[in-house]
Structures are given as structure tokens and as C-alpha cells.
Amino acid sequence: MNSNIHSILITGGTGKLGSIFLSHFLKKGNTVVFSSKSHEKVNQILNNPFIHSKRGQVHGIVIDLKKEDAIEQLTDFLDTRNVWPHTLVNNARDIENLKLDAKGMPLRSGWLDEFLLDVVIPYELAMAISHHKNARLENIVNIASMYGLVAANPCLYDAPLRESPVHYSVAKAALIHLTKELAVRLASRKIRVNAISYGGVEGRVTGEFKARYAKLCPAGSMLNESHVVGAIEFLVSEMSKGMTGHNLVVDGGWSIW
């Protein structure tokens, strides 16, 4: 592989945000490695002529990151294909973690799995890749949320307890702090670590939800795809070279009032 080509590993590369990241960086000519639990979704991307018409190269791995040997499997995949990333994007999600009981409360297993996927695995993956003998990691971007900064506003939801699970927010807050810890612990290796706290992104919501959101947000609207890619492109680029341990808030002003 051409050593001048920037390689990016995106966990959860078939999700709502992950698919946006994947398409953007392929279009720019990067080598993109992505993970997903779904064989079907990985095959859809790898067999999509539109994806292969992009300038970059794409490699997909089907893996459940919550499995004990997942980190080893993923690093073996990177080694076999010689696609060690310059940038790691910790983006993996699992909506199964957010299931609630009849009272609208998360199960203990949901708490543990959400914390595992949002905090423990990003830590383990960052350390495994940064300390590998073939490592060339320069940059880590953790995908957090505005709900890692502020509590959910009940006025946004029809059923607040169910539509804004508490363990999602707590795990995202922990991920933001992990970003700061890793920025310190990996500084000697010349690796920058930052996070992005996105607000609500257009897509899987009703018109009524969008209207309520608009009234509660200074920008008067949800985020769109250009807002999503602009933030991550900045953190991956040389333009943010002086930044590490930072949480870049991209929420249309949601968290300022």
C-alpha cells in the first residue's frame, strides 16, 4: 500500500454516522477500514459499485467488538492486509444496549454493555493499535454526544425516560473524559486524541420531533450531513494539529442554554 495514503479505521462504519464518515473519506482518496456486526451490511458496502467508484480503497470486517477476542481479531485483520491506520475513529454503537424494562429503566446488562462499547473498547483499541510494532497511529477521534455534556431536555420527547436512556448519556460523558486521559497518556507517542459531541442529526425522526428540536436549539434546526463531515474532517486534518484532549461541540448551540 502507498505509504502516502492516509488510512482510517472507523468502528461502526455502517451506522448512521459511520456510513457518512466512510463515504466522505473514500471520496477524498483515503484507505478506509470499517467494522460492523452485520455480514449483510458489510457485504452491501463491499459489493456496492458506487463505493468502489470513489477514489479510496475500502476494507470491511464483520466483528462483534464486545467479544473477548475482538481486539486481537481486528489487529490481526489490520496486520494481514497491511492497513494500519493513521486515524482511529471510535464510533461503534449497539442499540440493543439501550433496551429498557417495563418501568422505562435500563437493565444492569445494558449499563455494562453500553459502558463496554463506549469506553472500555475505545480504550483497549487505542492502546492495542498505538502500541503495536507496526503502528503508525497519529490521531484518534472519539464520537461522543451533546448528551455527554448536558442532561436530556424532557420537552423534546413524548416519553423522556424511554426516548433518552440515561446510560447512553453517562457513557458518552465517560468517553469525553477518556479522551482527555488518552491525550495525556499517548502524547509521548505523538498521537492526538480528540472527541466530537454532535447534536441531533436529521434522518430517523418525525416532523413533530424536528419542530420541537428547532424550538429548543439556538440554530433552529438539527444537524445535516455537511455539519457531520466538516467537524471530523477538521480533526483528522493538519488544520487541527495543535489540538489534543479537546471535545469539539457541534450541536447548533444546544448545550449553551
C-alpha atoms as a PDB file:
ATOM      1  CA  MET A   1       0.000   0.000   0.000  1.00  0.00           C
ATOM      2  CA  ASN A   2       1.171   3.530  -0.780  1.00  0.00           C
ATOM      3  CA  SER A   3       2.525   4.947   2.480  1.00  0.00           C
ATOM      4  CA  ASN A   4       1.429   8.448   1.397  1.00  0.00           C
ATOM      5  CA  ILE A   5      -2.237   7.469   1.510  1.00  0.00           C
ATOM      6  CA  HIS A   6      -3.961   8.251   4.781  1.00  0.00           C
ATOM      7  CA  SER A   7      -5.560   5.170   6.338  1.00  0.00           C
ATOM      8  CA  ILE A   8      -8.584   5.482   8.626  1.00  0.00           C
ATOM      9  CA  LEU A   9     -10.237   2.841  10.822  1.00  0.00           C
ATOM     10  CA  ILE A  10     -13.907   3.538  11.582  1.00  0.00           C
ATOM     11  CA  THR A  11     -15.659   1.271  14.067  1.00  0.00           C
ATOM     12  CA  GLY A  12     -19.377   1.040  13.423  1.00  0.00           C
ATOM     13  CA  GLY A  13     -18.851   2.049   9.798  1.00  0.00           C
ATOM     14  CA  THR A  14     -22.308   1.004   8.607  1.00  0.00           C
ATOM     15  CA  GLY A  15     -24.327   3.059  11.104  1.00  0.00           C
ATOM     16  CA  LYS A  16     -25.923   6.461  10.638  1.00  0.00           C
ATOM     17  CA  LEU A  17     -22.769   8.497  11.284  1.00  0.00           C
ATOM     18  CA  GLY A  18     -20.289   5.786  10.328  1.00  0.00           C
ATOM     19  CA  SER A  19     -21.649   5.486   6.785  1.00  0.00           C
ATOM     20  CA  ILE A  20     -21.325   9.257   6.353  1.00  0.00           C
ATOM     21  CA  PHE A  21     -17.719   9.146   7.556  1.00  0.00           C
ATOM     22  CA  LEU A  22     -16.917   6.169   5.314  1.00  0.00           C
ATOM     23  CA  SER A  23     -18.283   7.765   2.150  1.00  0.00           C
ATOM     24  CA  HIS A  24     -16.590  11.108   2.868  1.00  0.00           C
ATOM     25  CA  PHE A  25     -13.107   9.714   3.432  1.00  0.00           C
ATOM     26  CA  LEU A  26     -13.296   7.321   0.489  1.00  0.00           C
ATOM     27  CA  LYS A  27     -14.250  10.234  -1.751  1.00  0.00           C
ATOM     28  CA  LYS A  28     -11.120  12.046  -0.592  1.00  0.00           C
ATOM     29  CA  GLY A  29      -8.932   9.113  -1.636  1.00  0.00           C
ATOM     30  CA  ASN A  30      -8.217   7.643   1.796  1.00  0.00           C
ATOM     31  CA  THR A  31      -7.927   3.961   2.610  1.00  0.00           C
ATOM     32  CA  VAL A  32     -10.886   3.225   4.882  1.00  0.00           C
ATOM     33  CA  VAL A  33     -11.168   0.178   7.127  1.00  0.00           C
ATOM     34  CA  PHE A  34     -14.547  -0.252   8.795  1.00  0.00           C
ATOM     35  CA  SER A  35     -16.134  -2.679  11.222  1.00  0.00           C
ATOM     36  CA  SER A  36     -19.709  -3.848  11.663  1.00  0.00           C
ATOM     37  CA  LYS A  37     -21.553  -6.703  13.360  1.00  0.00           C
ATOM     38  CA  SER A  38     -23.676  -7.236  10.253  1.00  0.00           C
ATOM     39  CA  HIS A  39     -22.467  -9.516   7.448  1.00  0.00           C
ATOM     40  CA  GLU A  40     -25.246  -8.149   5.245  1.00  0.00           C
ATOM     41  CA  LYS A  41     -24.262  -4.503   5.737  1.00  0.00           C
ATOM     42  CA  VAL A  42     -20.558  -5.152   5.227  1.00  0.00           C
ATOM     43  CA  ASN A  43     -21.262  -7.068   2.016  1.00  0.00           C
ATOM     44  CA  GLN A  44     -23.577  -4.311   0.787  1.00  0.00           C
ATOM     45  CA  ILE A  45     -20.748  -1.815   1.084  1.00  0.00           C
ATOM     46  CA  LEU A  46     -18.005  -4.050  -0.288  1.00  0.00           C
ATOM     47  CA  ASN A  47     -20.160  -5.013  -3.299  1.00  0.00           C
ATOM     48  CA  ASN A  48     -21.516  -1.529  -3.984  1.00  0.00           C
ATOM     49  CA  PRO A  49     -20.244  -0.179  -7.342  1.00  0.00           C
ATOM     50  CA  PHE A  50     -20.837   3.396  -6.143  1.00  0.00           C
ATOM     51  CA  ILE A  51     -18.493   2.849  -3.194  1.00  0.00           C
ATOM     52  CA  HIS A  52     -15.829   1.427  -5.492  1.00  0.00           C
ATOM     53  CA  SER A  53     -16.169   4.401  -7.835  1.00  0.00           C
ATOM     54  CA  LYS A  54     -14.698   6.539  -5.054  1.00  0.00           C
ATOM     55  CA  ARG A  55     -11.011   7.373  -5.124  1.00  0.00           C
ATOM     56  CA  GLY A  56     -10.029   5.473  -1.984  1.00  0.00           C
ATOM     57  CA  GLN A  57      -9.781   1.813  -1.013  1.00  0.00           C
ATOM     58  CA  VAL A  58     -12.179   0.121   1.388  1.00  0.00           C
ATOM     59  CA  HIS A  59     -11.762  -2.900   3.693  1.00  0.00           C
ATOM     60  CA  GLY A  60     -14.570  -4.234   5.876  1.00  0.00           C
ATOM     61  CA  ILE A  61     -14.513  -6.653   8.791  1.00  0.00           C
ATOM     62  CA  VAL A  62     -17.504  -8.355  10.400  1.00  0.00           C
ATOM     63  CA  ILE A  63     -16.860  -8.355  14.130  1.00  0.00           C
ATOM     64  CA  ASP A  64     -18.652  -8.009  17.452  1.00  0.00           C
ATOM     65  CA  LEU A  65     -16.378  -5.668  19.369  1.00  0.00           C
ATOM     66  CA  LYS A  66     -17.862  -6.812  22.686  1.00  0.00           C
ATOM     67  CA  LYS A  67     -16.367 -10.300  22.306  1.00  0.00           C
ATOM     68  CA  GLU A  68     -13.296 -11.113  24.420  1.00  0.00           C
ATOM     69  CA  ASP A  69     -11.009 -11.665  21.437  1.00  0.00           C
ATOM     70  CA  ALA A  70     -12.354  -8.844  19.260  1.00  0.00           C
ATOM     71  CA  ILE A  71      -9.371  -6.509  19.619  1.00  0.00           C
ATOM     72  CA  GLU A  72      -6.972  -9.302  18.669  1.00  0.00           C
ATOM     73  CA  GLN A  73      -9.140 -10.212  15.663  1.00  0.00           C
ATOM     74  CA  LEU A  74      -9.200  -6.623  14.491  1.00  0.00           C
ATOM     75  CA  THR A  75      -5.469  -6.043  14.859  1.00  0.00           C
ATOM     76  CA  ASP A  76      -4.793  -9.330  13.025  1.00  0.00           C
ATOM     77  CA  PHE A  77      -7.027  -8.057  10.198  1.00  0.00           C
ATOM     78  CA  LEU A  78      -5.062  -4.793  10.013  1.00  0.00           C
ATOM     79  CA  ASP A  79      -1.765  -6.680  10.034  1.00  0.00           C
ATOM     80  CA  THR A  80      -2.735  -9.225   7.374  1.00  0.00           C
ATOM     81  CA  ARG A  81      -3.884  -6.508   4.959  1.00  0.00           C
ATOM     82  CA  ASN A  82      -1.192  -4.009   5.924  1.00  0.00           C
ATOM     83  CA  VAL A  83      -3.759  -1.281   6.558  1.00  0.00           C
ATOM     84  CA  TRP A  84      -2.598   0.032   9.922  1.00  0.00           C
ATOM     85  CA  PRO A  85      -4.491   3.279  10.443  1.00  0.00           C
ATOM     86  CA  HIS A  86      -3.120   6.769  10.803  1.00  0.00           C
ATOM     87  CA  THR A  87      -6.506   7.729  12.290  1.00  0.00           C
ATOM     88  CA  LEU A  88      -8.832   5.722  14.549  1.00  0.00           C
ATOM     89  CA  VAL A  89     -12.476   6.800  14.763  1.00  0.00           C
ATOM     90  CA  ASN A  90     -14.261   5.197  17.730  1.00  0.00           C
ATOM     91  CA  ASN A  91     -17.845   5.285  16.551  1.00  0.00           C
ATOM     92  CA  ALA A  92     -19.357   1.835  17.229  1.00  0.00           C
ATOM     93  CA  ARG A  93     -22.884   1.714  18.655  1.00  0.00           C
ATOM     94  CA  ASP A  94     -25.368  -1.029  19.569  1.00  0.00           C
ATOM     95  CA  ILE A  95     -28.993  -0.034  20.055  1.00  0.00           C
ATOM     96  CA  GLU A  96     -29.615  -3.350  21.804  1.00  0.00           C
ATOM     97  CA  ASN A  97     -27.775  -1.858  24.794  1.00  0.00           C
ATOM     98  CA  LEU A  98     -30.489   0.780  25.129  1.00  0.00           C
ATOM     99  CA  LYS A  99     -33.401  -1.569  25.745  1.00  0.00           C
ATOM    100  CA  LEU A 100     -35.430  -0.681  28.843  1.00  0.00           C
ATOM    101  CA  ASP A 101     -37.630  -2.600  31.239  1.00  0.00           C
ATOM    102  CA  ALA A 102     -41.376  -2.104  31.736  1.00  0.00           C
ATOM    103  CA  LYS A 103     -40.720   0.883  34.017  1.00  0.00           C
ATOM    104  CA  GLY A 104     -38.515   2.620  31.472  1.00  0.00           C
ATOM    105  CA  MET A 105     -35.271   1.800  33.291  1.00  0.00           C
ATOM    106  CA  PRO A 106     -32.161   0.227  31.730  1.00  0.00           C
ATOM    107  CA  LEU A 107     -31.180  -3.283  32.724  1.00  0.00           C
ATOM    108  CA  ARG A 108     -27.863  -3.778  34.511  1.00  0.00           C
ATOM    109  CA  SER A 109     -26.611  -5.689  31.459  1.00  0.00           C
ATOM    110  CA  GLY A 110     -27.479  -2.657  29.331  1.00  0.00           C
ATOM    111  CA  TRP A 111     -25.435  -0.381  31.578  1.00  0.00           C
ATOM    112  CA  LEU A 112     -22.438  -2.704  31.415  1.00  0.00           C
ATOM    113  CA  ASP A 113     -22.628  -3.288  27.651  1.00  0.00           C
ATOM    114  CA  GLU A 114     -23.055   0.412  26.909  1.00  0.00           C
ATOM    115  CA  PHE A 115     -20.058   1.317  29.052  1.00  0.00           C
ATOM    116  CA  LEU A 116     -18.064  -1.539  27.496  1.00  0.00           C
ATOM    117  CA  LEU A 117     -18.715  -0.378  23.934  1.00  0.00           C
ATOM    118  CA  ASP A 118     -18.454   3.375  24.582  1.00  0.00           C
ATOM    119  CA  VAL A 119     -15.490   3.478  26.952  1.00  0.00           C
ATOM    120  CA  VAL A 120     -13.643   0.207  27.543  1.00  0.00           C
ATOM    121  CA  ILE A 121     -13.352  -0.874  23.910  1.00  0.00           C
ATOM    122  CA  PRO A 122     -12.211   2.560  22.638  1.00  0.00           C
ATOM    123  CA  TYR A 123      -9.524   2.473  25.336  1.00  0.00           C
ATOM    124  CA  GLU A 124      -8.433  -1.079  24.515  1.00  0.00           C
ATOM    125  CA  LEU A 125      -8.416  -0.437  20.785  1.00  0.00           C
ATOM    126  CA  ALA A 126      -6.456   2.801  21.133  1.00  0.00           C
ATOM    127  CA  MET A 127      -3.826   1.107  23.276  1.00  0.00           C
ATOM    128  CA  ALA A 128      -3.584  -2.009  21.097  1.00  0.00           C
ATOM    129  CA  ILE A 129      -3.112  -0.046  17.888  1.00  0.00           C
ATOM    130  CA  SER A 130      -0.837   2.649  19.315  1.00  0.00           C
ATOM    131  CA  HIS A 131       1.494   0.116  20.961  1.00  0.00           C
ATOM    132  CA  HIS A 132       1.696  -2.388  18.099  1.00  0.00           C
ATOM    133  CA  LYS A 133       5.120  -2.832  16.477  1.00  0.00           C
ATOM    134  CA  ASN A 134       3.666  -1.800  13.095  1.00  0.00           C
ATOM    135  CA  ALA A 135       1.727   1.152  14.447  1.00  0.00           C
ATOM    136  CA  ARG A 136       1.571   4.428  12.578  1.00  0.00           C
ATOM    137  CA  LEU A 137      -1.300   5.936  14.525  1.00  0.00           C
ATOM    138  CA  GLU A 138      -1.313   9.746  14.653  1.00  0.00           C
ATOM    139  CA  ASN A 139      -4.847  10.668  15.544  1.00  0.00           C
ATOM    140  CA  ILE A 140      -7.849   9.338  17.476  1.00  0.00           C
ATOM    141  CA  VAL A 141     -11.362  10.785  17.215  1.00  0.00           C
ATOM    142  CA  ASN A 142     -13.981   9.593  19.713  1.00  0.00           C
ATOM    143  CA  ILE A 143     -17.596  10.130  18.699  1.00  0.00           C
ATOM    144  CA  ALA A 144     -19.407  11.435  21.756  1.00  0.00           C
ATOM    145  CA  SER A 145     -22.676  13.382  22.074  1.00  0.00           C
ATOM    146  CA  MET A 146     -24.165  16.596  23.375  1.00  0.00           C
ATOM    147  CA  TYR A 147     -25.759  14.332  25.987  1.00  0.00           C
ATOM    148  CA  GLY A 148     -22.307  13.693  27.356  1.00  0.00           C
ATOM    149  CA  LEU A 149     -22.352  17.392  28.312  1.00  0.00           C
ATOM    150  CA  VAL A 150     -25.931  18.118  29.337  1.00  0.00           C
ATOM    151  CA  ALA A 151     -28.898  16.107  30.525  1.00  0.00           C
ATOM    152  CA  ALA A 152     -31.740  15.355  28.145  1.00  0.00           C
ATOM    153  CA  ASN A 153     -34.460  18.010  27.920  1.00  0.00           C
ATOM    154  CA  PRO A 154     -37.817  16.309  28.668  1.00  0.00           C
ATOM    155  CA  CYS A 155     -39.611  18.843  26.461  1.00  0.00           C
ATOM    156  CA  LEU A 156     -38.096  17.230  23.383  1.00  0.00           C
ATOM    157  CA  TYR A 157     -39.667  13.810  23.916  1.00  0.00           C
ATOM    158  CA  ASP A 158     -43.087  12.228  24.116  1.00  0.00           C
ATOM    159  CA  ALA A 159     -41.727   9.680  26.615  1.00  0.00           C
ATOM    160  CA  PRO A 160     -38.457  11.094  28.025  1.00  0.00           C
ATOM    161  CA  LEU A 161     -37.423   8.060  30.088  1.00  0.00           C
ATOM    162  CA  ARG A 162     -37.705   5.749  27.099  1.00  0.00           C
ATOM    163  CA  GLU A 163     -36.507   8.047  24.320  1.00  0.00           C
ATOM    164  CA  SER A 164     -33.396   9.343  26.137  1.00  0.00           C
ATOM    165  CA  PRO A 165     -31.916   6.382  28.064  1.00  0.00           C
ATOM    166  CA  VAL A 166     -29.785   7.562  30.971  1.00  0.00           C
ATOM    167  CA  HIS A 167     -26.946   5.091  30.442  1.00  0.00           C
ATOM    168  CA  TYR A 168     -26.306   6.411  26.914  1.00  0.00           C
ATOM    169  CA  SER A 169     -25.636   9.887  28.297  1.00  0.00           C
ATOM    170  CA  VAL A 170     -23.491   8.690  31.206  1.00  0.00           C
ATOM    171  CA  ALA A 171     -21.346   6.534  28.904  1.00  0.00           C
ATOM    172  CA  LYS A 172     -20.818   9.439  26.494  1.00  0.00           C
ATOM    173  CA  ALA A 173     -19.715  11.642  29.396  1.00  0.00           C
ATOM    174  CA  ALA A 174     -17.189   8.973  30.348  1.00  0.00           C
ATOM    175  CA  LEU A 175     -15.964   8.818  26.748  1.00  0.00           C
ATOM    176  CA  ILE A 176     -15.268  12.555  26.807  1.00  0.00           C
ATOM    177  CA  HIS A 177     -13.146  12.128  29.915  1.00  0.00           C
ATOM    178  CA  LEU A 178     -11.401   9.109  28.388  1.00  0.00           C
ATOM    179  CA  THR A 179     -10.448  11.415  25.516  1.00  0.00           C
ATOM    180  CA  LYS A 180      -8.590  13.673  27.934  1.00  0.00           C
ATOM    181  CA  GLU A 181      -6.874  10.770  29.669  1.00  0.00           C
ATOM    182  CA  LEU A 182      -5.713   9.242  26.381  1.00  0.00           C
ATOM    183  CA  ALA A 183      -4.489  12.625  25.140  1.00  0.00           C
ATOM    184  CA  VAL A 184      -2.115  12.717  28.104  1.00  0.00           C
ATOM    185  CA  ARG A 185      -1.147   9.048  28.041  1.00  0.00           C
ATOM    186  CA  LEU A 186      -0.438   8.937  24.298  1.00  0.00           C
ATOM    187  CA  ALA A 187       1.205  12.355  23.973  1.00  0.00           C
ATOM    188  CA  SER A 188       4.709  10.870  24.155  1.00  0.00           C
ATOM    189  CA  ARG A 189       3.858   8.795  21.085  1.00  0.00           C
ATOM    190  CA  LYS A 190       2.843  11.947  19.167  1.00  0.00           C
ATOM    191  CA  ILE A 191      -0.774  10.799  18.979  1.00  0.00           C
ATOM    192  CA  ARG A 192      -3.541  13.383  19.217  1.00  0.00           C
ATOM    193  CA  VAL A 193      -6.836  12.367  20.831  1.00  0.00           C
ATOM    194  CA  ASN A 194     -10.000  14.442  20.471  1.00  0.00           C
ATOM    195  CA  ALA A 195     -13.752  13.935  20.644  1.00  0.00           C
ATOM    196  CA  ILE A 196     -16.776  15.297  18.805  1.00  0.00           C
ATOM    197  CA  SER A 197     -20.042  15.882  20.643  1.00  0.00           C
ATOM    198  CA  TYR A 198     -22.698  16.007  17.953  1.00  0.00           C
ATOM    199  CA  GLY A 199     -26.212  17.256  18.444  1.00  0.00           C
ATOM    200  CA  GLY A 200     -29.219  15.626  16.822  1.00  0.00           C
ATOM    201  CA  VAL A 201     -28.719  14.670  13.176  1.00  0.00           C
ATOM    202  CA  GLU A 202     -31.547  14.695  10.642  1.00  0.00           C
ATOM    203  CA  GLY A 203     -32.830  11.346   9.472  1.00  0.00           C
ATOM    204  CA  ARG A 204     -34.699   8.947  11.719  1.00  0.00           C
ATOM    205  CA  VAL A 205     -37.136  11.395  13.312  1.00  0.00           C
ATOM    206  CA  THR A 206     -40.671  12.632  12.715  1.00  0.00           C
ATOM    207  CA  GLY A 207     -41.640  16.107  11.594  1.00  0.00           C
ATOM    208  CA  GLU A 208     -43.081  16.769  15.053  1.00  0.00           C
ATOM    209  CA  PHE A 209     -39.771  15.860  16.678  1.00  0.00           C
ATOM    210  CA  LYS A 210     -37.851  18.159  14.319  1.00  0.00           C
ATOM    211  CA  ALA A 211     -40.206  21.028  15.132  1.00  0.00           C
ATOM    212  CA  ARG A 212     -39.735  20.568  18.888  1.00  0.00           C
ATOM    213  CA  TYR A 213     -35.983  20.277  18.441  1.00  0.00           C
ATOM    214  CA  ALA A 214     -35.877  23.512  16.428  1.00  0.00           C
ATOM    215  CA  LYS A 215     -37.583  25.441  19.233  1.00  0.00           C
ATOM    216  CA  LEU A 216     -35.062  24.194  21.793  1.00  0.00           C
ATOM    217  CA  CYS A 217     -31.911  24.798  19.743  1.00  0.00           C
ATOM    218  CA  PRO A 218     -30.386  28.253  19.048  1.00  0.00           C
ATOM    219  CA  ALA A 219     -29.599  27.268  15.443  1.00  0.00           C
ATOM    220  CA  GLY A 220     -33.259  26.379  14.923  1.00  0.00           C
ATOM    221  CA  SER A 221     -32.619  23.028  13.272  1.00  0.00           C
ATOM    222  CA  MET A 222     -30.981  19.636  13.565  1.00  0.00           C
ATOM    223  CA  LEU A 223     -27.569  18.926  12.066  1.00  0.00           C
ATOM    224  CA  ASN A 224     -27.177  17.735   8.490  1.00  0.00           C
ATOM    225  CA  GLU A 225     -24.525  15.659   6.737  1.00  0.00           C
ATOM    226  CA  SER A 226     -22.280  18.641   5.933  1.00  0.00           C
ATOM    227  CA  HIS A 227     -22.087  19.542   9.638  1.00  0.00           C
ATOM    228  CA  VAL A 228     -21.133  15.963  10.468  1.00  0.00           C
ATOM    229  CA  VAL A 229     -18.289  15.640   7.958  1.00  0.00           C
ATOM    230  CA  GLY A 230     -16.969  19.160   8.496  1.00  0.00           C
ATOM    231  CA  ALA A 231     -16.155  18.503  12.133  1.00  0.00           C
ATOM    232  CA  ILE A 232     -14.411  15.173  11.643  1.00  0.00           C
ATOM    233  CA  GLU A 233     -12.536  16.389   8.577  1.00  0.00           C
ATOM    234  CA  PHE A 234     -11.149  19.240  10.677  1.00  0.00           C
ATOM    235  CA  LEU A 235      -9.934  16.962  13.484  1.00  0.00           C
ATOM    236  CA  VAL A 236      -8.351  14.496  11.064  1.00  0.00           C
ATOM    237  CA  SER A 237      -6.611  17.231   9.073  1.00  0.00           C
ATOM    238  CA  GLU A 238      -3.417  19.177   9.696  1.00  0.00           C
ATOM    239  CA  MET A 239      -5.580  22.222  10.474  1.00  0.00           C
ATOM    240  CA  SER A 240      -6.179  20.854  13.994  1.00  0.00           C
ATOM    241  CA  LYS A 241      -2.552  19.865  14.584  1.00  0.00           C
ATOM    242  CA  GLY A 242      -2.341  21.910  17.798  1.00  0.00           C
ATOM    243  CA  MET A 243      -5.401  20.277  19.395  1.00  0.00           C
ATOM    244  CA  THR A 244      -5.472  17.283  21.708  1.00  0.00           C
ATOM    245  CA  GLY A 245      -7.731  16.347  24.606  1.00  0.00           C
ATOM    246  CA  HIS A 246     -10.426  18.592  23.155  1.00  0.00           C
ATOM    247  CA  ASN A 247     -14.151  17.914  22.881  1.00  0.00           C
ATOM    248  CA  LEU A 248     -15.403  19.668  19.738  1.00  0.00           C
ATOM    249  CA  VAL A 249     -19.058  20.523  20.293  1.00  0.00           C
ATOM    250  CA  VAL A 250     -21.139  20.515  17.094  1.00  0.00           C
ATOM    251  CA  ASP A 251     -24.711  20.881  18.311  1.00  0.00           C
ATOM    252  CA  GLY A 252     -26.116  24.082  16.822  1.00  0.00           C
ATOM    253  CA  GLY A 253     -25.804  25.703  20.244  1.00  0.00           C
ATOM    254  CA  TRP A 254     -27.991  23.133  22.024  1.00  0.00           C
ATOM    255  CA  SER A 255     -25.726  22.898  25.079  1.00  0.00           C
ATOM    256  CA  ILE A 256     -25.281  26.649  25.629  1.00  0.00           C
ATOM    257  CA  TRP A 257     -28.696  27.211  27.220  1.00  0.00           C
END
